[in-house]
Amino acid sequence: MMMRSLTAQTTITIKEILRGGSIIGFMLTWLLLLITATAFGTVSIGERMYVIKDFGLFLTTLAVLALTISAGASILAKEIRQKHLYTVLSKPVSRFSYLASKLLGIWISGLVLNLTLHLALCCYVYLLEGSWQPTLLINTLFLAMEGLIMAACCLLIASLFVTPMLVGLVSILIFIAGRNLDSITALLEARDVGPLLHSLLSLVQSLMPRLYLLNIVNDLTYAIMPSAAAALHATIYGFSYATACFILSLYVFSRRDFT
């Protein structure tokens, strides 16, 4: 019964996100910017394909995470505003199933865009270069884990706040901090950091997701393949961090009164 309810709610969430039209907008913007990058790439002697692959992977990452954050920031607030949440929770649907369906719906929607844009990039490179670059598809796994983490973070923040703009802003800050945790570690090792700043940076380092470990765009651009151990670590870390965020989200969500 719970599995059926979870599947049904997840399907509804996916349809709602994909039906919104934003995914089409992300695809068209991605294509337009990639064509622009191709024009500029011709200026770089011998570096044209590197520019296209690097920028294409960067745009794909940006599009998937933008969809994830925008959907995660608005989905709970929208259902509360439209009173749909009250209708759902009045039925025999557990808050676990409801929240899990939102997480899965956001993540799977991101996966659809993730796979579509990576396949489109491979086709685009083939049209320009005449050879397939299937190694670019390796990034789908790492980006999928990054998207899962960000979807869980958005859900946690959305459980605390109801303002979509605030949820989106905090999520973006988490993404920026997670992508730059290696720089924060370097700052912590500096001797001229004050005690207050050191404590703040230590807190950020402890709580923020280590998203920089999932960023392999630069390596793939120059055909440097991640090891199987790196892929396994990314998968375990992604699911572990997302699970921890989901448990916190469920705790906060279960304590809110929606009657």
Protein backbone atom coordinates (compact mmCIF):
# COMPACT_ATOMS: atom_id res chain seq x y z
CA MET A 1 0.00 0.00 0.00
CA MET A 2 2.79 2.44 0.93
CA MET A 3 4.78 1.51 -2.18
CA ARG A 4 1.77 2.10 -4.40
CA SER A 5 1.12 5.46 -2.78
CA LEU A 6 4.80 6.43 -3.09
CA THR A 7 4.87 5.49 -6.77
CA ALA A 8 1.67 7.39 -7.52
CA GLN A 9 2.79 10.54 -5.70
CA THR A 10 6.23 10.39 -7.36
CA THR A 11 4.63 10.10 -10.80
CA ILE A 12 2.42 13.11 -10.08
CA THR A 13 5.44 15.15 -8.96
CA ILE A 14 7.44 14.25 -12.08
CA LYS A 15 4.54 15.12 -14.38
CA GLU A 16 4.04 18.43 -12.59
CA ILE A 17 7.70 19.40 -12.95
CA LEU A 18 8.04 18.26 -16.57
CA ARG A 19 4.69 19.79 -17.53
CA GLY A 20 5.74 23.18 -16.19
CA GLY A 21 7.71 23.97 -19.36
CA SER A 22 10.89 24.91 -17.53
CA ILE A 23 12.68 21.80 -18.76
CA ILE A 24 12.05 22.87 -22.38
CA GLY A 25 13.38 26.31 -21.55
CA PHE A 26 16.55 24.81 -20.04
CA MET A 27 17.08 22.66 -23.16
CA LEU A 28 16.66 25.57 -25.57
CA THR A 29 18.92 27.82 -23.50
CA TRP A 30 21.51 25.02 -23.32
CA LEU A 31 21.49 24.63 -27.11
CA LEU A 32 21.69 28.37 -27.77
CA LEU A 33 24.63 28.84 -25.41
CA LEU A 34 26.41 25.78 -26.79
CA ILE A 35 26.12 27.12 -30.35
CA THR A 36 27.52 30.43 -29.09
CA ALA A 37 30.42 28.58 -27.44
CA THR A 38 31.09 26.81 -30.75
CA ALA A 39 31.44 30.15 -32.51
CA PHE A 40 33.92 31.38 -29.90
CA GLY A 41 35.66 28.01 -29.86
CA THR A 42 36.77 28.47 -33.45
CA VAL A 43 39.00 31.31 -32.27
CA SER A 44 41.11 28.95 -30.15
CA ILE A 45 43.55 27.19 -32.44
CA GLY A 46 43.53 23.44 -31.75
CA GLU A 47 41.30 23.92 -28.73
CA ARG A 48 37.90 24.07 -30.41
CA MET A 49 36.60 20.68 -29.28
CA TYR A 50 38.00 21.13 -25.78
CA VAL A 51 36.08 24.39 -25.46
CA ILE A 52 32.87 22.79 -26.74
CA LYS A 53 33.08 19.71 -24.48
CA ASP A 54 34.09 21.71 -21.42
CA PHE A 55 31.39 24.32 -21.89
CA GLY A 56 28.80 21.69 -22.84
CA LEU A 57 29.41 19.71 -19.65
CA PHE A 58 29.39 22.93 -17.62
CA LEU A 59 26.06 24.00 -19.16
CA THR A 60 24.58 20.55 -18.54
CA THR A 61 25.58 20.69 -14.88
CA LEU A 62 24.17 24.20 -14.57
CA ALA A 63 20.87 23.26 -16.23
CA VAL A 64 20.30 20.12 -14.14
CA LEU A 65 21.08 21.86 -10.86
CA ALA A 66 18.99 24.90 -11.82
CA LEU A 67 16.01 22.62 -12.49
CA THR A 68 16.61 20.74 -9.23
CA ILE A 69 16.88 23.88 -7.12
CA SER A 70 13.96 25.68 -8.76
CA ALA A 71 11.70 22.63 -8.38
CA GLY A 72 12.87 21.93 -4.84
CA ALA A 73 12.40 25.55 -3.80
CA SER A 74 8.83 25.85 -5.06
CA ILE A 75 7.20 22.44 -4.82
CA LEU A 76 6.23 22.43 -1.13
CA ALA A 77 5.34 26.12 -1.06
CA LYS A 78 3.15 25.67 -4.13
CA GLU A 79 1.23 22.75 -2.62
CA ILE A 80 0.71 24.63 0.65
CA ARG A 81 -0.47 27.73 -1.22
CA GLN A 82 -2.89 25.74 -3.38
CA LYS A 83 -4.14 23.73 -0.35
CA HIS A 84 -3.22 20.52 -2.16
CA LEU A 85 -1.01 19.43 0.73
CA TYR A 86 -3.95 19.47 3.14
CA THR A 87 -5.98 17.29 0.79
CA VAL A 88 -3.18 14.75 0.41
CA LEU A 89 -2.38 14.51 4.12
CA SER A 90 -6.08 14.11 4.96
CA LYS A 91 -5.95 10.80 3.08
CA PRO A 92 -4.20 7.65 4.35
CA VAL A 93 -0.83 8.93 3.08
CA SER A 94 2.09 9.03 5.48
CA ARG A 95 4.31 12.07 5.62
CA PHE A 96 7.22 9.77 4.82
CA SER A 97 5.60 8.73 1.53
CA TYR A 98 4.65 12.29 0.71
CA LEU A 99 8.12 13.70 1.34
CA ALA A 100 9.90 10.76 -0.30
CA SER A 101 7.77 11.19 -3.41
CA LYS A 102 8.82 14.83 -3.65
CA LEU A 103 12.50 13.93 -3.32
CA LEU A 104 12.26 11.16 -5.91
CA GLY A 105 10.16 13.31 -8.24
CA ILE A 106 12.65 16.18 -8.18
CA TRP A 107 15.61 13.84 -8.60
CA ILE A 108 14.12 11.78 -11.44
CA SER A 109 13.09 14.95 -13.29
CA GLY A 110 16.70 16.09 -13.02
CA LEU A 111 17.83 12.69 -14.28
CA VAL A 112 15.66 13.08 -17.38
CA LEU A 113 17.30 16.41 -18.18
CA ASN A 114 20.71 15.02 -17.19
CA LEU A 115 20.56 12.10 -19.62
CA THR A 116 18.91 14.11 -22.41
CA LEU A 117 21.53 16.87 -22.40
CA HIS A 118 24.48 14.47 -22.16
CA LEU A 119 23.17 12.48 -25.11
CA ALA A 120 22.55 15.71 -27.01
CA LEU A 121 26.12 16.82 -26.27
CA CYS A 122 27.50 13.53 -27.59
CA CYS A 123 25.46 13.96 -30.78
CA TYR A 124 26.58 17.59 -31.12
CA VAL A 125 30.25 16.63 -30.77
CA TYR A 126 29.75 13.85 -33.31
CA LEU A 127 28.29 16.29 -35.84
CA LEU A 128 31.28 18.60 -35.43
CA GLU A 129 34.08 16.10 -34.97
CA GLY A 130 32.78 12.97 -36.69
CA SER A 131 33.55 10.68 -33.74
CA TRP A 132 31.51 9.54 -30.76
CA GLN A 133 32.56 10.62 -27.28
CA PRO A 134 30.75 8.12 -25.01
CA THR A 135 33.13 8.95 -22.17
CA LEU A 136 31.18 12.18 -21.69
CA LEU A 137 28.27 10.06 -20.45
CA ILE A 138 30.32 9.10 -17.37
CA ASN A 139 29.47 12.53 -16.02
CA THR A 140 25.80 11.49 -15.78
CA LEU A 141 26.55 9.37 -12.70
CA PHE A 142 28.47 12.07 -10.86
CA LEU A 143 25.93 14.75 -11.81
CA ALA A 144 23.10 12.43 -10.73
CA MET A 145 24.65 12.14 -7.26
CA GLU A 146 25.17 15.89 -7.09
CA GLY A 147 21.56 16.41 -8.12
CA LEU A 148 20.35 13.95 -5.48
CA ILE A 149 22.27 15.78 -2.77
CA MET A 150 20.94 19.17 -3.86
CA ALA A 151 17.36 17.84 -4.12
CA ALA A 152 17.61 16.56 -0.54
CA CYS A 153 19.11 19.85 0.65
CA CYS A 154 16.31 21.82 -1.04
CA LEU A 155 13.71 19.61 0.61
CA LEU A 156 15.31 20.13 4.01
CA ILE A 157 15.34 23.91 3.60
CA ALA A 158 11.80 23.89 2.21
CA SER A 159 10.69 22.00 5.33
CA LEU A 160 12.07 24.85 7.44
CA PHE A 161 10.95 27.82 5.33
CA VAL A 162 7.97 28.36 3.05
CA THR A 163 9.33 31.21 0.94
CA PRO A 164 10.55 29.84 -2.41
CA MET A 165 13.00 32.69 -2.95
CA LEU A 166 14.65 32.10 0.43
CA VAL A 167 14.80 28.34 -0.14
CA GLY A 168 16.35 28.89 -3.56
CA LEU A 169 18.90 31.40 -2.27
CA VAL A 170 20.03 29.16 0.59
CA SER A 171 20.25 26.19 -1.79
CA ILE A 172 22.44 28.17 -4.18
CA LEU A 173 24.72 29.17 -1.29
CA ILE A 174 24.98 25.52 -0.26
CA PHE A 175 25.94 24.58 -3.81
CA ILE A 176 28.60 27.31 -3.99
CA ALA A 177 30.01 26.33 -0.60
CA GLY A 178 30.00 22.63 -1.50
CA ARG A 179 31.83 23.26 -4.74
CA ASN A 180 34.49 25.32 -2.93
CA LEU A 181 35.06 23.29 0.25
CA ASP A 182 38.61 22.51 -0.86
CA SER A 183 39.34 26.25 -0.82
CA ILE A 184 37.78 26.51 2.64
CA THR A 185 40.07 23.70 3.80
CA ALA A 186 43.05 25.67 2.48
CA LEU A 187 41.87 28.72 4.44
CA LEU A 188 41.61 26.66 7.63
CA GLU A 189 45.21 25.59 7.21
CA ALA A 190 46.35 29.20 6.92
CA ARG A 191 47.95 30.54 10.06
CA ASP A 192 46.57 34.07 9.75
CA VAL A 193 42.91 33.01 10.11
CA GLY A 194 41.29 34.44 13.26
CA PRO A 195 39.58 32.20 15.81
CA LEU A 196 36.06 33.41 14.95
CA LEU A 197 36.54 32.91 11.21
CA HIS A 198 38.21 29.57 11.87
CA SER A 199 35.20 28.38 13.88
CA LEU A 200 32.78 29.57 11.19
CA LEU A 201 34.73 27.92 8.39
CA SER A 202 35.03 24.71 10.41
CA LEU A 203 31.26 24.63 10.84
CA VAL A 204 30.72 25.18 7.13
CA GLN A 205 33.26 22.49 6.30
CA SER A 206 31.53 20.01 8.61
CA LEU A 207 27.97 20.58 7.39
CA MET A 208 28.25 21.37 3.69
CA PRO A 209 28.25 18.59 1.06
CA ARG A 210 31.59 17.94 -0.60
CA LEU A 211 30.31 18.64 -4.08
CA TYR A 212 33.77 19.38 -5.43
CA LEU A 213 34.49 15.64 -5.22
CA LEU A 214 31.69 15.05 -7.75
CA ASN A 215 32.94 17.59 -10.27
CA ILE A 216 34.85 15.71 -13.00
CA VAL A 217 34.12 18.08 -15.89
CA ASN A 218 37.71 19.27 -16.28
CA ASP A 219 39.04 15.70 -16.30
CA LEU A 220 36.50 14.46 -18.87
CA THR A 221 37.25 17.38 -21.16
CA TYR A 222 40.79 16.02 -21.57
CA ALA A 223 39.63 12.37 -21.62
CA ILE A 224 40.87 11.63 -18.08
CA MET A 225 38.58 8.89 -16.79
CA PRO A 226 37.58 8.62 -13.10
CA SER A 227 38.47 5.33 -11.47
CA ALA A 228 35.87 2.73 -10.51
CA ALA A 229 36.68 3.49 -6.88
CA ALA A 230 35.90 7.18 -7.45
CA ALA A 231 32.56 6.29 -9.07
CA LEU A 232 31.69 3.96 -6.18
CA HIS A 233 32.68 6.58 -3.62
CA ALA A 234 30.57 9.21 -5.40
CA THR A 235 27.55 6.88 -5.39
CA ILE A 236 27.89 5.95 -1.72
CA TYR A 237 28.54 9.53 -0.66
CA GLY A 238 25.63 10.88 -2.70
CA PHE A 239 23.09 8.45 -1.28
CA SER A 240 24.47 8.76 2.26
CA TYR A 241 24.37 12.57 2.38
CA ALA A 242 20.94 12.68 0.71
CA THR A 243 19.60 10.11 3.21
CA ALA A 244 20.85 12.16 6.15
CA CYS A 245 19.18 15.30 4.74
CA PHE A 246 15.97 13.40 4.09
CA ILE A 247 15.84 12.09 7.67
CA LEU A 248 16.24 15.65 8.97
CA SER A 249 13.58 16.86 6.53
CA LEU A 250 11.18 14.17 7.70
CA TYR A 251 11.78 15.10 11.33
CA VAL A 252 11.09 18.80 10.69
CA PHE A 253 8.15 18.07 8.38
CA SER A 254 6.52 15.67 10.84
CA ARG A 255 6.56 18.34 13.54
CA ARG A 256 4.74 20.91 11.42
CA ASP A 257 1.01 21.28 11.84
CA PHE A 258 -0.83 21.32 8.51
CA THR A 259 -4.33 20.84 9.92
